[in-house]
């Protein structure tokens, strides 16, 4: 009984980790797209140079 529970627990942990990693990949892709859009669409600064689109 205990080995069966351990196998089921391991399967549950691996399934959860796989789902989390897939979600993290999608978040990384979305952040990359937003960053690239911001890099392309940044506005010109007061001196005519292109400024940063973020505040950090």
PDB file of N, CA and C in Angstrom:
ATOM      1  N   UNK A   1       0.814  -1.196   0.000  1.00  0.00           N
ATOM      2  CA  UNK A   1       0.000   0.000   0.000  1.00  0.00           C
ATOM      3  C   UNK A   1       0.860   1.264   0.000  1.00  0.00           C
ATOM      4  N   UNK A   2       1.927   1.249   0.803  1.00  0.00           N
ATOM      5  CA  UNK A   2       2.799   2.418   0.901  1.00  0.00           C
ATOM      6  C   UNK A   2       3.515   2.703  -0.420  1.00  0.00           C
ATOM      7  N   UNK A   3       4.068   1.679  -1.118  1.00  0.00           N
ATOM      8  CA  UNK A   3       4.705   1.981  -2.407  1.00  0.00           C
ATOM      9  C   UNK A   3       3.726   2.587  -3.422  1.00  0.00           C
ATOM     10  N   UNK A   4       2.489   2.113  -3.402  1.00  0.00           N
ATOM     11  CA  UNK A   4       1.487   2.672  -4.306  1.00  0.00           C
ATOM     12  C   UNK A   4       1.232   4.143  -3.996  1.00  0.00           C
ATOM     13  N   UNK A   5       1.127   4.472  -2.722  1.00  0.00           N
ATOM     14  CA  UNK A   5       0.931   5.872  -2.327  1.00  0.00           C
ATOM     15  C   UNK A   5       2.133   6.733  -2.701  1.00  0.00           C
ATOM     16  N   UNK A   6       3.336   6.181  -2.547  1.00  0.00           N
ATOM     17  CA  UNK A   6       4.536   6.932  -2.927  1.00  0.00           C
ATOM     18  C   UNK A   6       4.585   7.191  -4.428  1.00  0.00           C
ATOM     19  N   UNK A   7       4.206   6.197  -5.219  1.00  0.00           N
ATOM     20  CA  UNK A   7       4.182   6.372  -6.673  1.00  0.00           C
ATOM     21  C   UNK A   7       3.134   7.411  -7.073  1.00  0.00           C
ATOM     22  N   UNK A   8       1.957   7.346  -6.452  1.00  0.00           N
ATOM     23  CA  UNK A   8       0.919   8.331  -6.748  1.00  0.00           C
ATOM     24  C   UNK A   8       1.344   9.741  -6.326  1.00  0.00           C
ATOM     25  N   UNK A   9       2.000   9.841  -5.183  1.00  0.00           N
ATOM     26  CA  UNK A   9       2.497  11.138  -4.725  1.00  0.00           C
ATOM     27  C   UNK A   9       3.564  11.676  -5.671  1.00  0.00           C
ATOM     28  N   UNK A  10       4.469  10.820  -6.113  1.00  0.00           N
ATOM     29  CA  UNK A  10       5.498  11.232  -7.066  1.00  0.00           C
ATOM     30  C   UNK A  10       4.876  11.684  -8.381  1.00  0.00           C
ATOM     31  N   UNK A  11       3.882  10.963  -8.869  1.00  0.00           N
ATOM     32  CA  UNK A  11       3.200  11.353 -10.102  1.00  0.00           C
ATOM     33  C   UNK A  11       2.510  12.705  -9.935  1.00  0.00           C
ATOM     34  N   UNK A  12       1.892  12.920  -8.794  1.00  0.00           N
ATOM     35  CA  UNK A  12       1.224  14.196  -8.531  1.00  0.00           C
ATOM     36  C   UNK A  12       2.227  15.348  -8.486  1.00  0.00           C
ATOM     37  N   UNK A  13       3.363  15.137  -7.841  1.00  0.00           N
ATOM     38  CA  UNK A  13       4.396  16.178  -7.762  1.00  0.00           C
ATOM     39  C   UNK A  13       4.949  16.484  -9.152  1.00  0.00           C
ATOM     40  N   UNK A  14       5.240  15.442  -9.930  1.00  0.00           N
ATOM     41  CA  UNK A  14       5.783  15.660 -11.274  1.00  0.00           C
ATOM     42  C   UNK A  14       4.764  16.345 -12.183  1.00  0.00           C
ATOM     43  N   UNK A  15       3.492  15.993 -12.055  1.00  0.00           N
ATOM     44  CA  UNK A  15       2.453  16.652 -12.849  1.00  0.00           C
ATOM     45  C   UNK A  15       2.366  18.123 -12.475  1.00  0.00           C
ATOM     46  N   UNK A  16       2.398  18.421 -11.180  1.00  0.00           N
ATOM     47  CA  UNK A  16       2.340  19.813 -10.726  1.00  0.00           C
ATOM     48  C   UNK A  16       3.539  20.604 -11.200  1.00  0.00           C
ATOM     49  N   UNK A  17       4.729  20.009 -11.129  1.00  0.00           N
ATOM     50  CA  UNK A  17       5.939  20.696 -11.578  1.00  0.00           C
ATOM     51  C   UNK A  17       5.894  20.938 -13.082  1.00  0.00           C
ATOM     52  N   UNK A  18       5.406  19.960 -13.821  1.00  0.00           N
ATOM     53  CA  UNK A  18       5.310  20.133 -15.278  1.00  0.00           C
ATOM     54  C   UNK A  18       4.341  21.243 -15.648  1.00  0.00           C
ATOM     55  N   UNK A  19       3.216  21.307 -14.968  1.00  0.00           N
ATOM     56  CA  UNK A  19       2.245  22.373 -15.223  1.00  0.00           C
ATOM     57  C   UNK A  19       2.831  23.731 -14.871  1.00  0.00           C
ATOM     58  N   UNK A  20       3.536  23.806 -13.729  1.00  0.00           N
ATOM     59  CA  UNK A  20       4.130  25.083 -13.307  1.00  0.00           C
ATOM     60  C   UNK A  20       5.196  25.532 -14.293  1.00  0.00           C
ATOM     61  N   UNK A  21       6.015  24.605 -14.769  1.00  0.00           N
ATOM     62  CA  UNK A  21       7.059  24.976 -15.723  1.00  0.00           C
ATOM     63  C   UNK A  21       6.459  25.438 -17.047  1.00  0.00           C
ATOM     64  N   UNK A  22       5.381  24.793 -17.487  1.00  0.00           N
ATOM     65  CA  UNK A  22       4.732  25.212 -18.718  1.00  0.00           C
ATOM     66  C   UNK A  22       4.132  26.610 -18.549  1.00  0.00           C
ATOM     67  N   UNK A  23       3.522  26.866 -17.400  1.00  0.00           N
ATOM     68  CA  UNK A  23       2.965  28.191 -17.127  1.00  0.00           C
ATOM     69  C   UNK A  23       4.071  29.241 -17.087  1.00  0.00           C
ATOM     70  N   UNK A  24       5.206  28.899 -16.482  1.00  0.00           N
ATOM     71  CA  UNK A  24       6.325  29.842 -16.431  1.00  0.00           C
ATOM     72  C   UNK A  24       6.873  30.138 -17.825  1.00  0.00           C
ATOM     73  N   UNK A  25       6.894  29.146 -18.710  1.00  0.00           N
ATOM     74  CA  UNK A  25       7.335  29.391 -20.093  1.00  0.00           C
ATOM     75  C   UNK A  25       6.396  30.371 -20.783  1.00  0.00           C
ATOM     76  N   UNK A  26       5.081  30.214 -20.597  1.00  0.00           N
ATOM     77  CA  UNK A  26       4.125  31.134 -21.221  1.00  0.00           C
ATOM     78  C   UNK A  26       4.288  32.547 -20.665  1.00  0.00           C
ATOM     79  N   UNK A  27       4.511  32.664 -19.351  1.00  0.00           N
ATOM     80  CA  UNK A  27       4.727  33.981 -18.759  1.00  0.00           C
ATOM     81  C   UNK A  27       5.995  34.611 -19.322  1.00  0.00           C
ATOM     82  N   UNK A  28       7.060  33.824 -19.480  1.00  0.00           N
ATOM     83  CA  UNK A  28       8.308  34.339 -20.038  1.00  0.00           C
ATOM     84  C   UNK A  28       8.104  34.821 -21.469  1.00  0.00           C
ATOM     85  N   UNK A  29       7.329  34.088 -22.270  1.00  0.00           N
ATOM     86  CA  UNK A  29       7.072  34.502 -23.651  1.00  0.00           C
ATOM     87  C   UNK A  29       6.277  35.803 -23.677  1.00  0.00           C
ATOM     88  N   UNK A  30       5.287  35.940 -22.814  1.00  0.00           N
ATOM     89  CA  UNK A  30       4.479  37.166 -22.765  1.00  0.00           C
ATOM     90  C   UNK A  30       5.338  38.357 -22.357  1.00  0.00           C
ATOM     91  N   UNK A  31       6.201  38.172 -21.344  1.00  0.00           N
ATOM     92  CA  UNK A  31       7.081  39.256 -20.926  1.00  0.00           C
ATOM     93  C   UNK A  31       8.038  39.644 -22.036  1.00  0.00           C
ATOM     94  N   UNK A  32       8.558  38.677 -22.764  1.00  0.00           N
ATOM     95  CA  UNK A  32       9.453  38.967 -23.888  1.00  0.00           C
ATOM     96  C   UNK A  32       8.741  39.769 -24.964  1.00  0.00           C
ATOM     97  N   UNK A  33       7.515  39.407 -25.289  1.00  0.00           N
ATOM     98  CA  UNK A  33       6.752  40.134 -26.306  1.00  0.00           C
ATOM     99  C   UNK A  33       6.485  41.568 -25.852  1.00  0.00           C
ATOM    100  N   UNK A  34       6.101  41.745 -24.586  1.00  0.00           N
ATOM    101  CA  UNK A  34       5.849  43.095 -24.066  1.00  0.00           C
ATOM    102  C   UNK A  34       7.134  43.917 -24.100  1.00  0.00           C
ATOM    103  N   UNK A  35       8.259  43.309 -23.749  1.00  0.00           N
ATOM    104  CA  UNK A  35       9.535  44.020 -23.766  1.00  0.00           C
ATOM    105  C   UNK A  35       9.912  44.422 -25.183  1.00  0.00           C
ATOM    106  N   UNK A  36       9.733  43.502 -26.127  1.00  0.00           N
ATOM    107  CA  UNK A  36      10.060  43.827 -27.523  1.00  0.00           C
ATOM    108  C   UNK A  36       9.152  44.922 -28.068  1.00  0.00           C
ATOM    109  N   UNK A  37       7.861  44.874 -27.746  1.00  0.00           N
ATOM    110  CA  UNK A  37       6.951  45.929 -28.173  1.00  0.00           C
ATOM    111  C   UNK A  37       7.349  47.273 -27.570  1.00  0.00           C
ATOM    112  N   UNK A  38       7.709  47.285 -26.321  1.00  0.00           N
ATOM    113  CA  UNK A  38       8.154  48.517 -25.682  1.00  0.00           C
ATOM    114  C   UNK A  38       9.443  49.029 -26.279  1.00  0.00           C
ATOM    115  N   UNK A  39      10.330  48.129 -26.653  1.00  0.00           N
ATOM    116  CA  UNK A  39      11.592  48.532 -27.261  1.00  0.00           C
ATOM    117  C   UNK A  39      11.351  49.164 -28.630  1.00  0.00           C
ATOM    118  N   UNK A  40      10.410  48.610 -29.390  1.00  0.00           N
ATOM    119  CA  UNK A  40      10.122  49.121 -30.732  1.00  0.00           C
ATOM    120  C   UNK A  40       9.307  50.407 -30.672  1.00  0.00           C
ATOM    121  N   UNK A  41       8.372  50.506 -29.723  1.00  0.00           N
ATOM    122  CA  UNK A  41       7.427  51.621 -29.702  1.00  0.00           C
ATOM    123  C   UNK A  41       7.790  52.722 -28.713  1.00  0.00           C
ATOM    124  N   UNK A  42       9.030  52.750 -28.225  1.00  0.00           N
ATOM    125  CA  UNK A  42       9.382  53.778 -27.245  1.00  0.00           C
ATOM    126  C   UNK A  42       9.327  55.164 -27.879  1.00  0.00           C
ATOM    127  N   UNK A  43       8.967  56.128 -27.071  1.00  0.00           N
ATOM    128  CA  UNK A  43       8.773  57.479 -27.589  1.00  0.00           C
ATOM    129  C   UNK A  43      10.079  58.259 -27.579  1.00  0.00           C
ATOM    130  N   UNK A  44      10.114  59.318 -28.379  1.00  0.00           N
ATOM    131  CA  UNK A  44      11.295  60.169 -28.441  1.00  0.00           C
ATOM    132  C   UNK A  44      11.336  61.070 -27.216  1.00  0.00           C
ATOM    133  N   UNK A  45      12.540  61.319 -26.729  1.00  0.00           N
ATOM    134  CA  UNK A  45      12.722  62.180 -25.564  1.00  0.00           C
ATOM    135  C   UNK A  45      12.707  63.646 -25.955  1.00  0.00           C
ATOM    136  N   UNK A  46      12.892  64.546 -24.989  1.00  0.00           N
ATOM    137  CA  UNK A  46      12.836  65.985 -25.259  1.00  0.00           C
ATOM    138  C   UNK A  46      13.968  66.466 -26.166  1.00  0.00           C
ATOM    139  N   UNK A  47      15.107  65.798 -26.162  1.00  0.00           N
ATOM    140  CA  UNK A  47      16.225  66.249 -26.992  1.00  0.00           C
ATOM    141  C   UNK A  47      16.244  65.549 -28.345  1.00  0.00           C
ATOM    142  N   UNK A  48      15.189  64.841 -28.666  1.00  0.00           N
ATOM    143  CA  UNK A  48      15.111  64.146 -29.947  1.00  0.00           C
ATOM    144  C   UNK A  48      15.683  62.750 -29.913  1.00  0.00           C
ATOM    145  N   UNK A  49      16.293  62.388 -28.808  1.00  0.00           N
ATOM    146  CA  UNK A  49      16.814  61.030 -28.687  1.00  0.00           C
ATOM    147  C   UNK A  49      15.712  60.112 -28.185  1.00  0.00           C
ATOM    148  N   UNK A  50      15.879  58.858 -28.445  1.00  0.00           N
ATOM    149  CA  UNK A  50      14.875  57.905 -27.994  1.00  0.00           C
ATOM    150  C   UNK A  50      15.126  57.571 -26.535  1.00  0.00           C
ATOM    151  N   UNK A  51      14.102  57.745 -25.715  1.00  0.00           N
ATOM    152  CA  UNK A  51      14.234  57.512 -24.283  1.00  0.00           C
ATOM    153  C   UNK A  51      13.862  56.110 -23.901  1.00  0.00           C
ATOM    154  N   UNK A  52      14.008  55.834 -22.630  1.00  0.00           N
ATOM    155  CA  UNK A  52      13.603  54.517 -22.124  1.00  0.00           C
ATOM    156  C   UNK A  52      12.090  54.474 -21.963  1.00  0.00           C
ATOM    157  N   UNK A  53      11.489  53.335 -22.258  1.00  0.00           N
ATOM    158  CA  UNK A  53      10.043  53.201 -22.142  1.00  0.00           C
ATOM    159  C   UNK A  53       9.653  52.694 -20.764  1.00  0.00           C
ATOM    160  N   UNK A  54      10.616  52.284 -19.966  1.00  0.00           N
ATOM    161  CA  UNK A  54      10.323  51.797 -18.633  1.00  0.00           C
ATOM    162  C   UNK A  54      10.867  52.772 -17.601  1.00  0.00           C
ATOM    163  N   UNK A  55      10.478  52.594 -16.344  1.00  0.00           N
ATOM    164  CA  UNK A  55      10.836  53.538 -15.293  1.00  0.00           C
ATOM    165  C   UNK A  55      11.953  53.042 -14.379  1.00  0.00           C
ATOM    166  N   UNK A  56      12.555  51.865 -14.600  1.00  0.00           N
ATOM    167  CA  UNK A  56      13.558  51.364 -13.683  1.00  0.00           C
ATOM    168  C   UNK A  56      14.866  52.063 -13.915  1.00  0.00           C
TER     169      UNK A  56
END
